[in-house]
Amino acid sequence: KAVKEGMLEKRSDGLLQLWKKKRCILTEEGLLLLLIPPKHPPPPQQQQQQPAPPAEPAAKIKELHFSNMKTVDCVERKGKYVYFTVVMAEGKEIDFRCAQEQGWNAAITLQMVQYKNRQAILAVRS
């Protein structure tokens, strides 16, 4: 079950580091964040020529598991955006931005803390 769903912008890793809109789903269990490229229907002239592609190809789904996340940092409010960085356990940093009123950074942080707390409780019990 999704805790939060909507659009989030991710900075690309390439040389130009462009902001790309992604449809994101933050799960209730706090296990992963899915980055699904927004659906773009093909132009009308291409629709008749080729069969419709699958709605969400699996190769385009990027899972960011909380078990591999270290922190959500560098929150900065600038203009209408909130900028934040998800730091993965191996040190990789993934930059995001969203409109200030959307609160993605807070939702991700809260779910990650809840996940880490559940893991800590399970570790103590075992």
C-alpha atoms as a PDB file:
ATOM      1  CA  LYS A   1       0.000   0.000   0.000  1.00  0.00           C
ATOM      2  CA  ALA A   2       1.357   3.430  -0.945  1.00  0.00           C
ATOM      3  CA  VAL A   3       1.971   6.030   1.764  1.00  0.00           C
ATOM      4  CA  LYS A   4       2.623   8.747  -0.800  1.00  0.00           C
ATOM      5  CA  GLU A   5       2.404   8.863  -4.558  1.00  0.00           C
ATOM      6  CA  GLY A   6       3.112  11.633  -7.043  1.00  0.00           C
ATOM      7  CA  MET A   7       5.707  13.464  -9.093  1.00  0.00           C
ATOM      8  CA  LEU A   8       9.254  14.069  -7.941  1.00  0.00           C
ATOM      9  CA  GLU A   9      12.211  15.398  -9.928  1.00  0.00           C
ATOM     10  CA  LYS A  10      15.507  13.484  -9.935  1.00  0.00           C
ATOM     11  CA  ARG A  11      18.793  14.956 -11.113  1.00  0.00           C
ATOM     12  CA  SER A  12      20.377  12.787 -13.804  1.00  0.00           C
ATOM     13  CA  ASP A  13      23.864  11.340 -13.358  1.00  0.00           C
ATOM     14  CA  GLY A  14      25.019  12.480 -16.802  1.00  0.00           C
ATOM     15  CA  LEU A  15      27.270  15.364 -17.718  1.00  0.00           C
ATOM     16  CA  LEU A  16      24.393  17.864 -18.015  1.00  0.00           C
ATOM     17  CA  GLN A  17      22.718  16.796 -14.743  1.00  0.00           C
ATOM     18  CA  LEU A  18      19.210  17.612 -15.934  1.00  0.00           C
ATOM     19  CA  TRP A  19      16.161  17.432 -13.673  1.00  0.00           C
ATOM     20  CA  LYS A  20      13.810  14.694 -14.873  1.00  0.00           C
ATOM     21  CA  LYS A  21      10.261  14.200 -13.632  1.00  0.00           C
ATOM     22  CA  LYS A  22       9.501  10.768 -12.209  1.00  0.00           C
ATOM     23  CA  ARG A  23       6.293   9.249 -10.896  1.00  0.00           C
ATOM     24  CA  CYS A  24       7.162   7.992  -7.425  1.00  0.00           C
ATOM     25  CA  ILE A  25       5.566   5.636  -4.953  1.00  0.00           C
ATOM     26  CA  LEU A  26       6.644   5.516  -1.320  1.00  0.00           C
ATOM     27  CA  THR A  27       5.397   2.291   0.247  1.00  0.00           C
ATOM     28  CA  GLU A  28       3.660   1.950   3.587  1.00  0.00           C
ATOM     29  CA  GLU A  29       6.119  -0.737   4.676  1.00  0.00           C
ATOM     30  CA  GLY A  30       8.950   1.709   4.099  1.00  0.00           C
ATOM     31  CA  LEU A  31      10.919  -0.855   2.086  1.00  0.00           C
ATOM     32  CA  LEU A  32      11.362   0.952  -1.202  1.00  0.00           C
ATOM     33  CA  LEU A  33      10.833   4.034  -3.275  1.00  0.00           C
ATOM     34  CA  LEU A  34       9.893   3.339  -6.889  1.00  0.00           C
ATOM     35  CA  LEU A  35      11.026   5.780  -9.530  1.00  0.00           C
ATOM     36  CA  ILE A  36       8.799   5.268 -12.535  1.00  0.00           C
ATOM     37  CA  PRO A  37       9.259   7.510 -15.557  1.00  0.00           C
ATOM     38  CA  PRO A  38       6.037   9.423 -16.316  1.00  0.00           C
ATOM     39  CA  LYS A  39       3.920   7.839 -19.040  1.00  0.00           C
ATOM     40  CA  HIS A  40       4.281   9.596 -22.389  1.00  0.00           C
ATOM     41  CA  PRO A  41       1.881   8.397 -25.093  1.00  0.00           C
ATOM     42  CA  PRO A  42       3.607   8.096 -28.491  1.00  0.00           C
ATOM     43  CA  PRO A  43       2.815  10.803 -31.075  1.00  0.00           C
ATOM     44  CA  PRO A  44      -0.361  10.028 -33.105  1.00  0.00           C
ATOM     45  CA  GLN A  45       1.577   9.173 -36.297  1.00  0.00           C
ATOM     46  CA  GLN A  46       3.492   6.426 -34.434  1.00  0.00           C
ATOM     47  CA  GLN A  47       0.434   4.902 -32.763  1.00  0.00           C
ATOM     48  CA  GLN A  48      -0.781   3.162 -35.928  1.00  0.00           C
ATOM     49  CA  GLN A  49       2.660   1.951 -37.016  1.00  0.00           C
ATOM     50  CA  GLN A  50       3.769   0.021 -33.950  1.00  0.00           C
ATOM     51  CA  PRO A  51       2.064  -1.908 -31.151  1.00  0.00           C
ATOM     52  CA  ALA A  52       1.646  -0.066 -27.849  1.00  0.00           C
ATOM     53  CA  PRO A  53       4.610  -0.525 -25.497  1.00  0.00           C
ATOM     54  CA  PRO A  54       3.931  -1.980 -22.037  1.00  0.00           C
ATOM     55  CA  ALA A  55       2.665   0.699 -19.637  1.00  0.00           C
ATOM     56  CA  GLU A  56       5.585   0.429 -17.200  1.00  0.00           C
ATOM     57  CA  PRO A  57       8.558  -1.612 -18.393  1.00  0.00           C
ATOM     58  CA  ALA A  58      10.310  -3.297 -15.466  1.00  0.00           C
ATOM     59  CA  ALA A  59      13.737  -2.072 -16.633  1.00  0.00           C
ATOM     60  CA  LYS A  60      12.672   1.520 -15.977  1.00  0.00           C
ATOM     61  CA  ILE A  61      11.647   0.917 -12.373  1.00  0.00           C
ATOM     62  CA  LYS A  62      14.355   1.839  -9.899  1.00  0.00           C
ATOM     63  CA  GLU A  63      13.958   0.551  -6.371  1.00  0.00           C
ATOM     64  CA  LEU A  64      15.609   2.399  -3.528  1.00  0.00           C
ATOM     65  CA  HIS A  65      15.331   0.086  -0.544  1.00  0.00           C
ATOM     66  CA  PHE A  66      15.522   1.631   2.915  1.00  0.00           C
ATOM     67  CA  SER A  67      17.899  -1.194   3.866  1.00  0.00           C
ATOM     68  CA  ASN A  68      20.413   0.388   1.451  1.00  0.00           C
ATOM     69  CA  MET A  69      19.739   3.995   2.497  1.00  0.00           C
ATOM     70  CA  LYS A  70      21.870   5.848   4.992  1.00  0.00           C
ATOM     71  CA  THR A  71      20.247   9.302   5.262  1.00  0.00           C
ATOM     72  CA  VAL A  72      18.093  11.939   3.616  1.00  0.00           C
ATOM     73  CA  ASP A  73      20.106  15.166   3.766  1.00  0.00           C
ATOM     74  CA  CYS A  74      20.970  18.567   2.436  1.00  0.00           C
ATOM     75  CA  VAL A  75      17.454  19.908   2.632  1.00  0.00           C
ATOM     76  CA  GLU A  76      17.409  23.370   1.094  1.00  0.00           C
ATOM     77  CA  ARG A  77      14.461  25.573   0.259  1.00  0.00           C
ATOM     78  CA  LYS A  78      15.111  27.692  -2.795  1.00  0.00           C
ATOM     79  CA  GLY A  79      12.344  29.421  -4.734  1.00  0.00           C
ATOM     80  CA  LYS A  80       9.351  27.120  -5.018  1.00  0.00           C
ATOM     81  CA  TYR A  81      11.441  23.942  -4.569  1.00  0.00           C
ATOM     82  CA  VAL A  82      12.799  21.846  -1.722  1.00  0.00           C
ATOM     83  CA  TYR A  83      16.080  20.143  -2.703  1.00  0.00           C
ATOM     84  CA  PHE A  84      17.237  17.023  -0.874  1.00  0.00           C
ATOM     85  CA  THR A  85      19.743  14.206  -1.265  1.00  0.00           C
ATOM     86  CA  VAL A  86      19.217  10.528  -0.521  1.00  0.00           C
ATOM     87  CA  VAL A  87      22.560   9.051   0.584  1.00  0.00           C
ATOM     88  CA  MET A  88      22.840   5.320  -0.052  1.00  0.00           C
ATOM     89  CA  ALA A  89      24.858   2.948   2.184  1.00  0.00           C
ATOM     90  CA  GLU A  90      27.597   2.559  -0.458  1.00  0.00           C
ATOM     91  CA  GLY A  91      28.024   6.360  -0.552  1.00  0.00           C
ATOM     92  CA  LYS A  92      26.091   7.096  -3.749  1.00  0.00           C
ATOM     93  CA  GLU A  93      24.098  10.328  -3.557  1.00  0.00           C
ATOM     94  CA  ILE A  94      20.832  10.818  -5.440  1.00  0.00           C
ATOM     95  CA  ASP A  95      19.508  14.373  -5.720  1.00  0.00           C
ATOM     96  CA  PHE A  96      15.792  15.170  -5.774  1.00  0.00           C
ATOM     97  CA  ARG A  97      13.587  18.232  -5.761  1.00  0.00           C
ATOM     98  CA  CYS A  98       9.872  18.854  -5.353  1.00  0.00           C
ATOM     99  CA  ALA A  99       7.480  21.730  -4.753  1.00  0.00           C
ATOM    100  CA  GLN A 100       7.774  22.877  -1.107  1.00  0.00           C
ATOM    101  CA  GLU A 101       4.185  21.999  -0.215  1.00  0.00           C
ATOM    102  CA  GLN A 102       4.581  18.350  -1.338  1.00  0.00           C
ATOM    103  CA  GLY A 103       6.773  17.329   1.628  1.00  0.00           C
ATOM    104  CA  TRP A 104       8.484  14.365  -0.098  1.00  0.00           C
ATOM    105  CA  ASN A 105      11.692  14.758   1.928  1.00  0.00           C
ATOM    106  CA  ALA A 106       9.794  14.553   5.226  1.00  0.00           C
ATOM    107  CA  ALA A 107       7.727  11.540   4.097  1.00  0.00           C
ATOM    108  CA  ILE A 108      10.814   9.631   2.907  1.00  0.00           C
ATOM    109  CA  THR A 109      12.731  10.458   6.102  1.00  0.00           C
ATOM    110  CA  LEU A 110       9.828   9.377   8.314  1.00  0.00           C
ATOM    111  CA  GLN A 111       9.367   6.067   6.479  1.00  0.00           C
ATOM    112  CA  MET A 112      13.115   5.395   6.578  1.00  0.00           C
ATOM    113  CA  VAL A 113      13.298   6.054  10.346  1.00  0.00           C
ATOM    114  CA  GLN A 114      10.306   3.766  10.945  1.00  0.00           C
ATOM    115  CA  TYR A 115      11.934   1.045   8.827  1.00  0.00           C
ATOM    116  CA  LYS A 116      15.277   1.345  10.668  1.00  0.00           C
ATOM    117  CA  ASN A 117      13.472   1.256  14.047  1.00  0.00           C
ATOM    118  CA  ARG A 118      11.614  -1.946  13.068  1.00  0.00           C
ATOM    119  CA  GLN A 119      14.923  -3.511  11.959  1.00  0.00           C
ATOM    120  CA  ALA A 120      16.582  -2.544  15.257  1.00  0.00           C
ATOM    121  CA  ILE A 121      13.706  -4.064  17.272  1.00  0.00           C
ATOM    122  CA  LEU A 122      13.925  -7.294  15.267  1.00  0.00           C
ATOM    123  CA  ALA A 123      17.703  -7.432  15.802  1.00  0.00           C
ATOM    124  CA  VAL A 124      17.307  -7.022  19.585  1.00  0.00           C
ATOM    125  CA  ARG A 125      14.637  -9.732  19.726  1.00  0.00           C
ATOM    126  CA  SER A 126      16.709 -12.286  17.816  1.00  0.00           C
END
